[in-house]
Structures are given as C-alpha cells and as structure tokens.
Protein backbone atom coordinates (compact mmCIF):
# COMPACT_ATOMS: atom_id res chain seq x y z
CA MET A 1 -15.51 -5.02 -11.11
CA GLY A 2 -14.40 -7.61 -12.78
CA GLU A 3 -11.21 -9.48 -12.74
CA ASN A 4 -9.38 -10.70 -16.29
CA VAL A 5 -9.97 -14.27 -17.48
CA ASN A 6 -6.17 -15.16 -18.37
CA SER A 7 -3.77 -18.07 -18.49
CA LYS A 8 -1.34 -15.60 -16.92
CA PRO A 9 -1.15 -15.69 -12.40
CA THR A 10 -2.65 -13.09 -10.46
CA ILE A 11 -1.02 -9.95 -8.64
CA LEU A 12 -1.88 -8.96 -5.91
CA CYS A 13 -1.42 -5.08 -4.48
CA MET A 14 -1.49 -4.31 -1.05
CA TYR A 15 -2.69 -0.69 -1.29
CA SER A 16 -2.37 2.34 0.91
CA GLY A 17 -2.98 5.17 -0.76
CA GLY A 18 0.01 6.37 -0.21
CA ILE A 19 3.01 7.76 -2.92
CA ASP A 20 4.53 4.56 -2.82
CA SER A 21 1.54 2.11 -3.11
CA THR A 22 0.56 4.78 -5.81
CA GLY A 23 3.19 4.43 -7.57
CA VAL A 24 3.09 0.45 -7.88
CA LEU A 25 -0.42 0.65 -8.93
CA HIS A 26 0.20 2.98 -11.38
CA GLN A 27 2.59 0.58 -13.12
CA LEU A 28 0.40 -2.60 -12.51
CA MET A 29 -2.09 -0.15 -14.54
CA THR A 30 0.01 0.97 -17.14
CA ASN A 31 3.38 -0.87 -17.58
CA GLU A 32 3.11 -3.73 -20.19
CA LYS A 33 4.98 -6.00 -17.88
CA TYR A 34 1.90 -6.51 -16.01
CA LYS A 35 -1.35 -5.71 -17.78
CA GLU A 36 -1.92 -9.30 -18.46
CA HIS A 37 -2.18 -10.78 -15.39
CA PRO A 38 -5.55 -10.62 -13.06
CA LEU A 39 -5.10 -7.62 -10.54
CA ILE A 40 -6.34 -7.86 -6.52
CA VAL A 41 -6.28 -4.49 -5.52
CA HIS A 42 -6.47 -4.69 -1.23
CA HIS A 43 -6.94 -2.01 1.42
CA ILE A 44 -7.04 -2.72 5.24
CA HIS A 45 -8.32 0.15 7.30
CA ILE A 46 -5.46 0.40 9.74
CA MET A 47 -7.32 1.81 12.87
CA ASN A 48 -4.52 2.64 15.54
CA ARG A 49 -3.46 5.95 17.82
CA GLU A 50 -2.39 7.91 14.36
CA ASN A 51 -6.32 8.07 13.45
CA ARG A 52 -5.13 7.82 9.53
CA THR A 53 -8.07 5.65 8.63
CA ILE A 54 -10.40 8.39 7.13
CA ALA A 55 -7.87 10.17 5.76
CA GLU A 56 -6.09 6.76 3.90
CA ALA A 57 -9.90 5.62 2.74
CA ALA A 58 -10.81 9.01 1.13
CA ALA A 59 -7.24 8.65 -0.74
CA VAL A 60 -8.02 4.70 -2.12
CA ASN A 61 -11.79 5.61 -3.11
CA SER A 62 -10.56 8.87 -5.45
CA ILE A 63 -7.35 7.32 -6.62
CA LEU A 64 -9.26 3.58 -7.52
CA SER A 65 -12.13 5.53 -9.17
CA TYR A 66 -9.87 7.48 -11.63
CA TYR A 67 -8.37 4.64 -12.72
CA GLN A 68 -11.29 2.63 -13.38
CA LYS A 69 -13.00 5.66 -14.94
CA ASN A 70 -9.35 6.76 -17.33
CA THR A 71 -7.81 2.82 -17.59
CA ASP A 72 -9.34 -0.15 -19.51
CA ARG A 73 -7.21 -1.81 -16.82
CA LYS A 74 -10.01 -4.65 -14.67
CA PHE A 75 -9.52 -5.23 -11.10
CA LEU A 76 -10.83 -6.56 -8.15
CA VAL A 77 -11.21 -4.47 -4.99
CA THR A 78 -11.22 -5.93 -1.23
CA GLU A 79 -10.43 -4.99 2.03
CA SER A 80 -10.37 -5.71 5.94
CA THR A 81 -10.00 -4.08 8.98
CA PHE A 82 -7.20 -4.10 11.46
CA ASN A 83 -8.00 -2.30 14.73
CA THR A 84 -5.54 -2.33 17.74
CA ARG A 85 -6.73 0.97 19.12
CA GLY A 86 -7.84 -1.42 22.26
CA PHE A 87 -4.07 -1.97 22.85
CA ALA A 88 -4.44 1.72 24.87
CA PRO A 89 -4.45 0.12 27.93
CA LEU A 90 -1.30 -1.31 27.88
CA ARG A 91 0.20 2.33 27.55
CA SER A 92 2.99 0.67 24.74
CA ASN A 93 5.14 3.03 22.55
CA ARG A 94 5.04 0.03 20.09
CA PHE A 95 1.86 -1.05 18.10
CA PRO A 96 2.10 -3.42 14.77
CA PHE A 97 3.92 -1.94 12.22
CA ASP A 98 1.97 -1.40 9.05
CA MET A 99 4.73 -3.94 7.16
CA ASP A 100 3.68 -6.70 9.59
CA VAL A 101 -0.11 -6.70 9.24
CA CYS A 102 0.15 -6.02 5.48
CA ALA A 103 2.38 -9.58 5.45
CA PHE A 104 -0.38 -11.14 7.60
CA PHE A 105 -3.04 -10.41 5.79
CA ALA A 106 -1.66 -10.78 2.06
CA GLY A 107 -0.60 -14.03 3.61
CA ASN A 108 -4.55 -15.09 4.35
CA ILE A 109 -5.23 -13.90 0.84
CA CYS A 110 -3.13 -15.69 -1.00
CA ALA A 111 -3.90 -18.95 0.89
CA ALA A 112 -7.70 -18.15 0.20
CA ARG A 113 -6.89 -17.44 -3.54
CA LYS A 114 -4.18 -19.87 -5.14
CA ASP A 115 -4.28 -18.25 -8.28
CA ILE A 116 -2.39 -15.60 -6.82
CA GLU A 117 1.76 -15.74 -7.68
CA TYR A 118 3.06 -12.34 -6.71
CA VAL A 119 2.35 -10.05 -3.90
CA ALA A 120 3.29 -6.01 -4.86
CA MET A 121 4.48 -4.41 -2.68
CA GLY A 122 5.77 -0.40 -2.59
CA ARG A 123 9.59 -0.90 -1.57
CA THR A 124 11.18 1.83 -3.13
CA LYS A 125 14.74 3.51 -3.98
CA THR A 126 14.47 6.04 -1.21
CA ASP A 127 13.35 3.35 1.38
CA ILE A 128 17.11 1.25 0.11
CA GLU A 129 18.96 4.55 0.21
CA SER A 130 17.83 6.44 3.79
CA GLY A 131 16.24 2.99 5.65
CA GLY A 132 19.38 1.51 6.43
CA ASN A 133 19.69 -1.78 8.43
CA ASN A 134 16.23 -1.40 10.29
CA PHE A 135 14.31 -1.21 7.30
CA MET A 136 15.81 -3.94 6.12
CA TYR A 137 15.24 -5.43 9.20
CA ARG A 138 11.64 -4.80 9.24
CA MET A 139 11.30 -5.75 5.54
CA LYS A 140 13.30 -9.51 6.42
CA ARG A 141 10.40 -9.54 9.58
CA ALA A 142 7.76 -9.02 7.30
CA GLN A 143 8.41 -11.53 5.02
CA ALA A 144 8.96 -13.71 7.30
CA ILE A 145 4.89 -12.92 8.61
CA PHE A 146 3.93 -13.83 5.33
CA LYS A 147 5.80 -17.23 4.84
CA SER A 148 4.72 -18.39 8.37
CA VAL A 149 1.03 -17.87 7.58
CA LEU A 150 1.20 -20.04 4.34
CA SER A 151 3.40 -22.47 6.29
CA LEU A 152 0.93 -25.11 6.04
CA GLU A 153 0.17 -24.84 2.31
CA GLU A 154 1.22 -27.14 -0.42
CA GLY A 155 3.36 -25.89 -3.68
CA THR A 156 5.57 -22.76 -4.37
CA LEU A 157 4.69 -20.12 -2.40
CA PRO A 158 3.80 -16.92 -4.12
CA GLN A 159 6.27 -13.70 -3.99
CA TYR A 160 6.77 -10.29 -3.12
CA ILE A 161 7.42 -8.44 -5.81
CA PHE A 162 8.75 -4.36 -6.15
CA PRO A 163 7.44 -2.54 -9.20
CA VAL A 164 8.74 1.08 -7.79
CA LEU A 165 12.13 -0.45 -6.72
CA ASP A 166 14.21 1.48 -8.78
CA PHE A 167 12.28 5.09 -8.41
CA SER A 168 12.75 7.36 -5.50
CA LYS A 169 9.26 8.93 -3.73
CA GLU A 170 10.13 11.92 -5.94
CA GLU A 171 10.18 10.18 -8.95
CA ILE A 172 7.22 8.08 -8.22
CA TRP A 173 5.37 11.80 -7.84
CA ASP A 174 6.31 13.11 -10.72
CA PHE A 175 5.36 10.04 -12.77
CA LEU A 176 1.74 9.97 -11.51
CA PRO A 177 -1.22 11.76 -13.07
CA GLU A 178 -1.97 15.11 -11.27
CA GLN A 179 -5.13 13.68 -9.84
CA VAL A 180 -3.80 10.82 -8.85
CA ARG A 181 -0.71 12.38 -6.90
CA ASN A 182 -2.78 15.27 -5.65
CA ASN A 183 -5.18 12.87 -3.86
CA THR A 184 -2.52 10.13 -2.50
CA TRP A 185 -2.08 10.64 1.62
CA TRP A 186 1.80 10.12 3.40
CA CYS A 187 1.31 11.92 6.69
CA ARG A 188 1.16 9.83 9.88
CA ARG A 189 -1.25 12.16 12.04
CA PRO A 190 -3.68 13.85 9.75
CA VAL A 191 -5.20 17.11 10.80
CA TYR A 192 -9.18 16.51 10.87
CA GLU A 193 -11.50 19.60 10.37
CA GLU A 194 -15.22 19.09 10.51
CA GLY A 195 -16.62 19.87 6.94
CA LYS A 196 -13.22 20.21 5.31
CA ARG A 197 -10.71 17.77 4.22
CA PRO A 198 -8.06 15.80 6.30
CA LYS A 199 -5.09 18.05 6.33
CA ALA A 200 -1.45 16.75 6.53
CA CYS A 201 0.50 17.56 9.81
CA GLY A 202 3.42 19.09 8.42
CA LYS A 203 5.77 17.65 11.25
CA CYS A 204 5.78 14.03 10.82
CA GLN A 205 8.37 11.91 9.33
CA THR A 206 6.72 11.41 6.32
CA CYS A 207 5.35 14.99 5.96
CA ASN A 208 9.53 15.81 6.27
CA ASP A 209 10.46 13.04 3.38
CA VAL A 210 8.29 14.44 1.17
CA LYS A 211 8.16 18.57 1.82
CA ASP A 212 10.41 19.58 -1.11
CA PHE A 213 8.64 17.72 -3.39
CA ALA A 214 4.48 17.75 -2.37
CA ASN A 215 1.73 19.49 -1.53
CA ALA A 216 1.71 20.59 2.48
CA GLY A 217 -1.79 19.73 2.40
CA VAL A 218 -4.60 17.43 1.17
C-alpha cells in the first residue's frame, strides 16, 4: 500500500473498526474534500479487560480490504499495541480511555511524520447531543494529551478534524456500503465461541446505542 505523492498535507486517520471511525474512513476515501490528501490509517490493538482486540482487528482487516479492492484511493496502513492487562492486580475500576490512548499515539506519529497536518477522529452529532459535559471533558483531556506529546516540537502543531461531526451514528450506518457496515464492530464485551465469528453481547452501552438500526450480532 503506497502513499500519494502530493503537495497537500497528510491526514492521519485513527481507526478502530467501529461505526464512527468507519464513517470517518469512508469520508476520507470518497469525499472530494479529502481525496487529494495523502492518507495514513492507523489502528491500535488495545488490549484490556474488555477483550475487544480480536473482534476489532477482524473488523479493521475486512473493511480496509474492502477499500483497497473497491476504490482507487491510496493509503498507508500502520498499527501499534497498547496492553493494560497487567493492570489487573491494581483492582481498579478505571483504565485508560480509548480516546486518551489514541491521542497519545497520534501525537507520537505526528512527531515522527512532519508531513501530517490533520488527525481525523470519529466525533459525531450523537456524541455532542448525548455525551454531555463528561464527553466534552474527555475530548478536551485527549486533545491536551495530544498537544503535550508534541510540546517539544517546533512549528505549527497538527490539528484534529472531525469528518462526521454533522452525522449521527444512524446516519453514518445508512451511508456506509452494506459490506462495510456489516463488518463494523461496536460491542464493548464481545462473545467468543470456538470456530465462530465474534458476537456482540447485546447488553453493553454501545450495543444499546445501535440496537435500533444495526444488526444484533457480527
């Protein structure tokens, strides 16, 4: 997978395989506003007590394969791993939020790649309308982490962009191609059965958020 040789700045897409970030990826792949920008798609294998890593990786691989085969958009795929399973002896009810982890890795990638000027993240209309003050606080903290990582870098810092800010989760679901939509992953507590694809639990918050428009299992 190559990168476009272009004078326009590079966009870094932090990609989880979920509905929101897949909406972002689809916009970056198809919207003329973004198509001339070189694109890096980065997935973090977040290993924690929710055990989502395998399910998310399967979604990411399937969806990226779809875009490689069905569009002429060139993009570079990179990945990293963040493992907090060793936190278990602490018996803590908290562990690093995905948003914070993404901000940390995005900042380090931008420090390594000076051509990146934009970091595309999956903030949606649903987040703004239902997330309340807690969501906005977490967003500000994540961006503070991002800026802190880049605090010793010279020049203008890259900025976050939100290509699906004007869309709800359901609207994103509706505009995604069927094959892409059916391979997204949203559940926080996947159910694994030997020899079968991961299934959504149907009980966690994100399962409840999408139950009215998305399939119950994957």
